[in-house]
Amino acid sequence: MSFPPLLSPRVCLASRMFLSVLLLAVAGFQTAEAYPQSADAPAATVPILVSDFELSSVAPPPKSPSTPALKRQKTKTPPPYEDDELPSVQARRLMDFFAATLVETLQKSGYSARRTRGKNPPNGVLLRGVFAEPDAENRIRRSLLGGGSANSRFFLYVGIFNLARPDQPLYQLAPEQPGDNQLGPVITLNSYIPLAKYELDKNPTEEDVRKICAQIAASLKGLLAANPSAFSQ
């Protein structure tokens, strides 16, 4: 059933044009309200802290008095490791290089980033990570350099934390632990935080580290763009 028009065709056309313009204006206003800042705006306002990504090691066996001391290498150079380095030196080298490279990558992207040194600000972003690997039963274990693991690659889990709630864990130790010493403890990762997994060789190149740091920075940028005020309080 149809009804006769109440307005003339010319008036109807003018009304439709006015309604179209009004709808476009409202849509533009809603878009501006939904994205009040550009994707790069958080870079100038949200402090980013980078912690040392956890990598454990085992102490070497005690050497006899006749065994010559191992030559310690300076840790200012990036990976790969030197063959005669202690596992603790290798772990420290990789943690330092990852943290320094990630801070550099974030700063080049315009973020106010630094390593966790001294007192933390009351709000902002904290990046934490742990090097892990699967065991024979496919459980996630914290990596243990020098423990004799047969795996050639790391799993690196990186979480994004709000500094306003700094007590959130990246992972927890599983209630039941195996008795072997080739790997670290079994861990359960926190599923309530933004978390990403990366894979890399246990003796990574500088290019490997920089590639992963770029991926971490890109993930953080996307998160801040989608939630511009999530880490401001």
C-alpha atoms as a PDB file:
ATOM      1  CA  MET A   1       0.000   0.000   0.000  1.00  0.00           C
ATOM      2  CA  SER A   2       1.415   3.431  -0.968  1.00  0.00           C
ATOM      3  CA  PHE A   3       0.644   6.938   0.181  1.00  0.00           C
ATOM      4  CA  PRO A   4       0.650  10.131  -1.878  1.00  0.00           C
ATOM      5  CA  PRO A   5       3.713  12.325  -1.299  1.00  0.00           C
ATOM      6  CA  LEU A   6       3.227  15.112   1.219  1.00  0.00           C
ATOM      7  CA  LEU A   7       5.905  17.271  -0.424  1.00  0.00           C
ATOM      8  CA  SER A   8       6.621  18.183  -3.994  1.00  0.00           C
ATOM      9  CA  PRO A   9       9.460  16.277  -5.811  1.00  0.00           C
ATOM     10  CA  ARG A  10      11.672  19.388  -5.705  1.00  0.00           C
ATOM     11  CA  VAL A  11      11.222  19.785  -1.934  1.00  0.00           C
ATOM     12  CA  CYS A  12      11.835  16.053  -1.415  1.00  0.00           C
ATOM     13  CA  LEU A  13      15.071  16.219  -3.379  1.00  0.00           C
ATOM     14  CA  ALA A  14      16.290  19.196  -1.340  1.00  0.00           C
ATOM     15  CA  SER A  15      15.401  17.394   1.885  1.00  0.00           C
ATOM     16  CA  ARG A  16      17.316  14.293   0.834  1.00  0.00           C
ATOM     17  CA  MET A  17      20.395  16.368  -0.043  1.00  0.00           C
ATOM     18  CA  PHE A  18      20.255  18.120   3.342  1.00  0.00           C
ATOM     19  CA  LEU A  19      19.846  14.779   5.145  1.00  0.00           C
ATOM     20  CA  SER A  20      22.830  13.314   3.279  1.00  0.00           C
ATOM     21  CA  VAL A  21      25.041  16.258   4.230  1.00  0.00           C
ATOM     22  CA  LEU A  22      23.891  16.014   7.848  1.00  0.00           C
ATOM     23  CA  LEU A  23      24.671  12.268   7.995  1.00  0.00           C
ATOM     24  CA  LEU A  24      28.160  12.820   6.557  1.00  0.00           C
ATOM     25  CA  ALA A  25      28.841  15.519   9.144  1.00  0.00           C
ATOM     26  CA  VAL A  26      27.690  13.269  11.981  1.00  0.00           C
ATOM     27  CA  ALA A  27      29.801  10.373  10.685  1.00  0.00           C
ATOM     28  CA  GLY A  28      32.847  12.635  10.502  1.00  0.00           C
ATOM     29  CA  PHE A  29      32.270  13.825  14.059  1.00  0.00           C
ATOM     30  CA  GLN A  30      31.916  10.258  15.353  1.00  0.00           C
ATOM     31  CA  THR A  31      35.134   9.234  13.598  1.00  0.00           C
ATOM     32  CA  ALA A  32      36.997  12.140  15.160  1.00  0.00           C
ATOM     33  CA  GLU A  33      35.620  11.212  18.566  1.00  0.00           C
ATOM     34  CA  ALA A  34      36.586   7.540  18.163  1.00  0.00           C
ATOM     35  CA  TYR A  35      40.158   8.455  17.206  1.00  0.00           C
ATOM     36  CA  PRO A  36      40.923  11.668  19.080  1.00  0.00           C
ATOM     37  CA  GLN A  37      44.668  11.212  18.554  1.00  0.00           C
ATOM     38  CA  SER A  38      46.752  10.114  15.624  1.00  0.00           C
ATOM     39  CA  ALA A  39      48.532   6.749  15.749  1.00  0.00           C
ATOM     40  CA  ASP A  40      51.779   8.550  16.525  1.00  0.00           C
ATOM     41  CA  ALA A  41      50.363  10.724  19.315  1.00  0.00           C
ATOM     42  CA  PRO A  42      51.005   8.216  22.147  1.00  0.00           C
ATOM     43  CA  ALA A  43      54.712   8.281  21.290  1.00  0.00           C
ATOM     44  CA  ALA A  44      55.065  11.726  22.816  1.00  0.00           C
ATOM     45  CA  THR A  45      52.977  11.089  25.902  1.00  0.00           C
ATOM     46  CA  VAL A  46      53.369   7.490  27.095  1.00  0.00           C
ATOM     47  CA  PRO A  47      56.671   6.508  28.742  1.00  0.00           C
ATOM     48  CA  ILE A  48      57.978   3.076  27.724  1.00  0.00           C
ATOM     49  CA  LEU A  49      60.224   1.018  29.995  1.00  0.00           C
ATOM     50  CA  VAL A  50      62.122  -2.031  28.743  1.00  0.00           C
ATOM     51  CA  SER A  51      63.198  -4.674  31.234  1.00  0.00           C
ATOM     52  CA  ASP A  52      65.887  -7.289  30.669  1.00  0.00           C
ATOM     53  CA  PHE A  53      64.243 -10.304  29.072  1.00  0.00           C
ATOM     54  CA  GLU A  54      64.843 -13.218  31.431  1.00  0.00           C
ATOM     55  CA  LEU A  55      67.467 -15.772  30.408  1.00  0.00           C
ATOM     56  CA  SER A  56      68.877 -18.103  33.047  1.00  0.00           C
ATOM     57  CA  SER A  57      72.131 -20.040  32.911  1.00  0.00           C
ATOM     58  CA  VAL A  58      73.918 -22.751  34.827  1.00  0.00           C
ATOM     59  CA  ALA A  59      77.315 -22.444  36.441  1.00  0.00           C
ATOM     60  CA  PRO A  60      80.102 -24.352  34.679  1.00  0.00           C
ATOM     61  CA  PRO A  61      81.560 -27.382  36.485  1.00  0.00           C
ATOM     62  CA  PRO A  62      84.405 -26.541  38.847  1.00  0.00           C
ATOM     63  CA  LYS A  63      87.769 -26.686  37.129  1.00  0.00           C
ATOM     64  CA  SER A  64      90.840 -28.297  38.576  1.00  0.00           C
ATOM     65  CA  PRO A  65      93.830 -26.106  39.525  1.00  0.00           C
ATOM     66  CA  SER A  66      95.642 -27.254  36.384  1.00  0.00           C
ATOM     67  CA  THR A  67      92.804 -26.162  34.066  1.00  0.00           C
ATOM     68  CA  PRO A  68      93.549 -22.774  32.453  1.00  0.00           C
ATOM     69  CA  ALA A  69      91.022 -20.018  33.086  1.00  0.00           C
ATOM     70  CA  LEU A  70      88.574 -19.269  30.297  1.00  0.00           C
ATOM     71  CA  LYS A  71      89.119 -16.032  28.460  1.00  0.00           C
ATOM     72  CA  ARG A  72      86.277 -13.612  29.222  1.00  0.00           C
ATOM     73  CA  GLN A  73      85.074 -11.544  26.295  1.00  0.00           C
ATOM     74  CA  LYS A  74      83.880  -7.961  26.529  1.00  0.00           C
ATOM     75  CA  THR A  75      80.096  -7.720  26.407  1.00  0.00           C
ATOM     76  CA  LYS A  76      79.858  -4.513  24.388  1.00  0.00           C
ATOM     77  CA  THR A  77      79.634  -6.413  21.105  1.00  0.00           C
ATOM     78  CA  PRO A  78      76.400  -8.045  19.946  1.00  0.00           C
ATOM     79  CA  PRO A  79      75.803 -11.764  19.356  1.00  0.00           C
ATOM     80  CA  PRO A  80      76.996 -14.274  18.176  1.00  0.00           C
ATOM     81  CA  TYR A  81      78.694 -15.691  21.217  1.00  0.00           C
ATOM     82  CA  GLU A  82      82.302 -16.676  21.526  1.00  0.00           C
ATOM     83  CA  ASP A  83      82.950 -20.390  21.982  1.00  0.00           C
ATOM     84  CA  ASP A  84      84.908 -19.912  25.200  1.00  0.00           C
ATOM     85  CA  GLU A  85      82.347 -17.695  26.929  1.00  0.00           C
ATOM     86  CA  LEU A  86      80.683 -18.891  30.096  1.00  0.00           C
ATOM     87  CA  PRO A  87      76.905 -19.482  29.858  1.00  0.00           C
ATOM     88  CA  SER A  88      76.334 -16.599  32.280  1.00  0.00           C
ATOM     89  CA  VAL A  89      78.339 -14.267  30.010  1.00  0.00           C
ATOM     90  CA  GLN A  90      76.393 -15.428  26.967  1.00  0.00           C
ATOM     91  CA  ALA A  91      73.071 -14.880  28.755  1.00  0.00           C
ATOM     92  CA  ARG A  92      74.080 -11.420  29.954  1.00  0.00           C
ATOM     93  CA  ARG A  93      75.289 -10.488  26.463  1.00  0.00           C
ATOM     94  CA  LEU A  94      72.005 -11.466  24.833  1.00  0.00           C
ATOM     95  CA  MET A  95      69.841  -9.765  27.480  1.00  0.00           C
ATOM     96  CA  ASP A  96      71.839  -6.529  27.232  1.00  0.00           C
ATOM     97  CA  PHE A  97      71.787  -6.504  23.462  1.00  0.00           C
ATOM     98  CA  PHE A  98      68.052  -7.167  23.267  1.00  0.00           C
ATOM     99  CA  ALA A  99      67.219  -4.415  25.771  1.00  0.00           C
ATOM    100  CA  ALA A 100      69.533  -1.858  24.162  1.00  0.00           C
ATOM    101  CA  THR A 101      68.305  -2.671  20.648  1.00  0.00           C
ATOM    102  CA  LEU A 102      64.633  -2.517  21.634  1.00  0.00           C
ATOM    103  CA  VAL A 103      65.100   0.865  23.336  1.00  0.00           C
ATOM    104  CA  GLU A 104      66.924   2.168  20.257  1.00  0.00           C
ATOM    105  CA  THR A 105      64.162   0.863  17.963  1.00  0.00           C
ATOM    106  CA  LEU A 106      61.425   2.482  20.046  1.00  0.00           C
ATOM    107  CA  GLN A 107      63.261   5.805  20.267  1.00  0.00           C
ATOM    108  CA  LYS A 108      63.720   5.890  16.487  1.00  0.00           C
ATOM    109  CA  SER A 109      59.948   5.406  16.217  1.00  0.00           C
ATOM    110  CA  GLY A 110      59.388   8.507  18.358  1.00  0.00           C
ATOM    111  CA  TYR A 111      58.711   6.908  21.722  1.00  0.00           C
ATOM    112  CA  SER A 112      60.093   8.046  25.055  1.00  0.00           C
ATOM    113  CA  ALA A 113      61.775   4.729  25.890  1.00  0.00           C
ATOM    114  CA  ARG A 114      64.458   3.657  28.327  1.00  0.00           C
ATOM    115  CA  ARG A 115      65.607   0.598  30.227  1.00  0.00           C
ATOM    116  CA  THR A 116      64.280  -0.058  33.720  1.00  0.00           C
ATOM    117  CA  ARG A 117      66.782   1.726  35.889  1.00  0.00           C
ATOM    118  CA  GLY A 118      65.881   3.418  39.153  1.00  0.00           C
ATOM    119  CA  LYS A 119      62.346   4.496  40.031  1.00  0.00           C
ATOM    120  CA  ASN A 120      59.581   3.739  37.553  1.00  0.00           C
ATOM    121  CA  PRO A 121      56.987   6.372  36.584  1.00  0.00           C
ATOM    122  CA  PRO A 122      53.448   5.898  37.988  1.00  0.00           C
ATOM    123  CA  ASN A 123      51.977   5.160  34.563  1.00  0.00           C
ATOM    124  CA  GLY A 124      53.094   4.074  31.130  1.00  0.00           C
ATOM    125  CA  VAL A 125      54.151   0.840  29.449  1.00  0.00           C
ATOM    126  CA  LEU A 126      56.481  -1.851  30.729  1.00  0.00           C
ATOM    127  CA  LEU A 127      57.826  -4.467  28.301  1.00  0.00           C
ATOM    128  CA  ARG A 128      58.898  -7.738  29.901  1.00  0.00           C
ATOM    129  CA  GLY A 129      60.000 -10.985  28.310  1.00  0.00           C
ATOM    130  CA  VAL A 130      61.284 -14.466  29.028  1.00  0.00           C
ATOM    131  CA  PHE A 131      63.314 -16.866  26.906  1.00  0.00           C
ATOM    132  CA  ALA A 132      61.746 -20.319  26.919  1.00  0.00           C
ATOM    133  CA  GLU A 133      61.595 -23.559  24.952  1.00  0.00           C
ATOM    134  CA  PRO A 134      59.458 -26.696  24.801  1.00  0.00           C
ATOM    135  CA  ASP A 135      60.464 -29.954  26.425  1.00  0.00           C
ATOM    136  CA  ALA A 136      59.827 -33.508  25.209  1.00  0.00           C
ATOM    137  CA  GLU A 137      56.244 -33.340  26.508  1.00  0.00           C
ATOM    138  CA  ASN A 138      55.682 -29.965  24.794  1.00  0.00           C
ATOM    139  CA  ARG A 139      55.533 -28.088  28.088  1.00  0.00           C
ATOM    140  CA  ILE A 140      56.913 -24.560  28.080  1.00  0.00           C
ATOM    141  CA  ARG A 141      60.123 -24.404  30.093  1.00  0.00           C
ATOM    142  CA  ARG A 142      62.252 -21.421  30.992  1.00  0.00           C
ATOM    143  CA  SER A 143      65.497 -21.625  29.006  1.00  0.00           C
ATOM    144  CA  LEU A 144      68.680 -22.531  30.831  1.00  0.00           C
ATOM    145  CA  LEU A 145      71.891 -21.801  28.940  1.00  0.00           C
ATOM    146  CA  GLY A 146      74.516 -24.418  29.649  1.00  0.00           C
ATOM    147  CA  GLY A 147      71.969 -26.978  30.789  1.00  0.00           C
ATOM    148  CA  GLY A 148      72.479 -29.292  27.833  1.00  0.00           C
ATOM    149  CA  SER A 149      69.162 -28.744  26.020  1.00  0.00           C
ATOM    150  CA  ALA A 150      68.923 -30.291  22.545  1.00  0.00           C
ATOM    151  CA  ASN A 151      66.754 -27.439  21.222  1.00  0.00           C
ATOM    152  CA  SER A 152      68.473 -25.102  18.796  1.00  0.00           C
ATOM    153  CA  ARG A 153      65.924 -22.292  19.083  1.00  0.00           C
ATOM    154  CA  PHE A 154      64.363 -20.079  21.739  1.00  0.00           C
ATOM    155  CA  PHE A 155      60.760 -19.118  22.231  1.00  0.00           C
ATOM    156  CA  LEU A 156      60.729 -15.474  23.343  1.00  0.00           C
ATOM    157  CA  TYR A 157      57.504 -14.408  25.068  1.00  0.00           C
ATOM    158  CA  VAL A 158      57.052 -10.635  25.419  1.00  0.00           C
ATOM    159  CA  GLY A 159      54.256  -9.081  27.464  1.00  0.00           C
ATOM    160  CA  ILE A 160      52.980  -5.496  27.555  1.00  0.00           C
ATOM    161  CA  PHE A 161      52.183  -4.266  31.065  1.00  0.00           C
ATOM    162  CA  ASN A 162      50.557  -1.166  32.503  1.00  0.00           C
ATOM    163  CA  LEU A 163      52.909   0.523  34.992  1.00  0.00           C
ATOM    164  CA  ALA A 164      49.867   1.509  37.032  1.00  0.00           C
ATOM    165  CA  ARG A 165      49.531  -2.207  37.852  1.00  0.00           C
ATOM    166  CA  PRO A 166      53.152  -3.363  38.032  1.00  0.00           C
ATOM    167  CA  ASP A 167      52.481  -6.499  40.108  1.00  0.00           C
ATOM    168  CA  GLN A 168      50.962  -8.485  37.250  1.00  0.00           C
ATOM    169  CA  PRO A 169      53.107 -11.558  36.489  1.00  0.00           C
ATOM    170  CA  LEU A 170      54.448 -12.481  33.067  1.00  0.00           C
ATOM    171  CA  TYR A 171      54.266 -16.139  34.037  1.00  0.00           C
ATOM    172  CA  GLN A 172      53.900 -18.433  37.028  1.00  0.00           C
ATOM    173  CA  LEU A 173      55.749 -21.613  37.925  1.00  0.00           C
ATOM    174  CA  ALA A 174      53.716 -24.760  37.374  1.00  0.00           C
ATOM    175  CA  PRO A 175      52.745 -26.560  40.612  1.00  0.00           C
ATOM    176  CA  GLU A 176      54.517 -29.760  39.540  1.00  0.00           C
ATOM    177  CA  GLN A 177      58.085 -29.564  38.283  1.00  0.00           C
ATOM    178  CA  PRO A 178      60.184 -32.252  36.561  1.00  0.00           C
ATOM    179  CA  GLY A 179      63.440 -33.319  38.132  1.00  0.00           C
ATOM    180  CA  ASP A 180      65.756 -32.990  35.110  1.00  0.00           C
ATOM    181  CA  ASN A 181      68.274 -30.166  34.873  1.00  0.00           C
ATOM    182  CA  GLN A 182      68.579 -29.676  31.104  1.00  0.00           C
ATOM    183  CA  LEU A 183      65.920 -26.983  31.077  1.00  0.00           C
ATOM    184  CA  GLY A 184      64.538 -24.512  33.556  1.00  0.00           C
ATOM    185  CA  PRO A 185      61.197 -24.854  35.367  1.00  0.00           C
ATOM    186  CA  VAL A 186      57.866 -25.386  33.637  1.00  0.00           C
ATOM    187  CA  ILE A 187      55.990 -22.103  33.400  1.00  0.00           C
ATOM    188  CA  THR A 188      52.394 -21.017  32.767  1.00  0.00           C
ATOM    189  CA  LEU A 189      52.111 -17.749  30.862  1.00  0.00           C
ATOM    190  CA  ASN A 190      49.701 -14.989  31.850  1.00  0.00           C
ATOM    191  CA  SER A 191      46.797 -15.061  29.384  1.00  0.00           C
ATOM    192  CA  TYR A 192      45.294 -11.794  30.684  1.00  0.00           C
ATOM    193  CA  ILE A 193      47.918  -9.467  29.230  1.00  0.00           C
ATOM    194  CA  PRO A 194      48.877  -8.610  25.625  1.00  0.00           C
ATOM    195  CA  LEU A 195      51.458 -11.308  24.907  1.00  0.00           C
ATOM    196  CA  ALA A 196      53.370 -12.293  21.764  1.00  0.00           C
ATOM    197  CA  LYS A 197      55.679 -15.193  20.962  1.00  0.00           C
ATOM    198  CA  TYR A 198      58.772 -14.946  18.775  1.00  0.00           C
ATOM    199  CA  GLU A 199      61.213 -17.640  17.690  1.00  0.00           C
ATOM    200  CA  LEU A 200      64.940 -17.155  17.260  1.00  0.00           C
ATOM    201  CA  ASP A 201      68.145 -19.109  17.100  1.00  0.00           C
ATOM    202  CA  LYS A 202      69.978 -19.691  20.375  1.00  0.00           C
ATOM    203  CA  ASN A 203      72.999 -17.997  18.834  1.00  0.00           C
ATOM    204  CA  PRO A 204      71.177 -15.167  17.035  1.00  0.00           C
ATOM    205  CA  THR A 205      72.691 -12.652  14.695  1.00  0.00           C
ATOM    206  CA  GLU A 206      72.342  -8.915  15.114  1.00  0.00           C
ATOM    207  CA  GLU A 207      69.862  -8.917  12.233  1.00  0.00           C
ATOM    208  CA  ASP A 208      67.719 -11.523  14.038  1.00  0.00           C
ATOM    209  CA  VAL A 209      67.537  -9.379  17.169  1.00  0.00           C
ATOM    210  CA  ARG A 210      66.769  -6.172  15.277  1.00  0.00           C
ATOM    211  CA  LYS A 211      64.011  -7.893  13.298  1.00  0.00           C
ATOM    212  CA  ILE A 212      62.249  -9.095  16.439  1.00  0.00           C
ATOM    213  CA  CYS A 213      62.648  -5.697  18.128  1.00  0.00           C
ATOM    214  CA  ALA A 214      61.006  -4.071  15.097  1.00  0.00           C
ATOM    215  CA  GLN A 215      58.107  -6.527  15.388  1.00  0.00           C
ATOM    216  CA  ILE A 216      57.709  -5.761  19.106  1.00  0.00           C
ATOM    217  CA  ALA A 217      57.681  -2.022  18.385  1.00  0.00           C
ATOM    218  CA  ALA A 218      55.067  -2.488  15.648  1.00  0.00           C
ATOM    219  CA  SER A 219      52.823  -4.516  17.990  1.00  0.00           C
ATOM    220  CA  LEU A 220      53.106  -1.857  20.673  1.00  0.00           C
ATOM    221  CA  LYS A 221      52.292   0.912  18.202  1.00  0.00           C
ATOM    222  CA  GLY A 222      49.155  -0.922  17.101  1.00  0.00           C
ATOM    223  CA  LEU A 223      48.055  -1.463  20.697  1.00  0.00           C
ATOM    224  CA  LEU A 224      48.567   2.198  21.627  1.00  0.00           C
ATOM    225  CA  ALA A 225      46.778   3.376  18.490  1.00  0.00           C
ATOM    226  CA  ALA A 226      43.768   1.189  19.277  1.00  0.00           C
ATOM    227  CA  ASN A 227      43.788   2.142  22.982  1.00  0.00           C
ATOM    228  CA  PRO A 228      45.321   5.633  23.210  1.00  0.00           C
ATOM    229  CA  SER A 229      44.406   6.136  26.878  1.00  0.00           C
ATOM    230  CA  ALA A 230      44.875   2.556  28.139  1.00  0.00           C
ATOM    231  CA  PHE A 231      48.293   3.218  29.690  1.00  0.00           C
ATOM    232  CA  SER A 232      47.778   6.789  30.903  1.00  0.00           C
ATOM    233  CA  GLN A 233      46.190   5.749  34.196  1.00  0.00           C
END
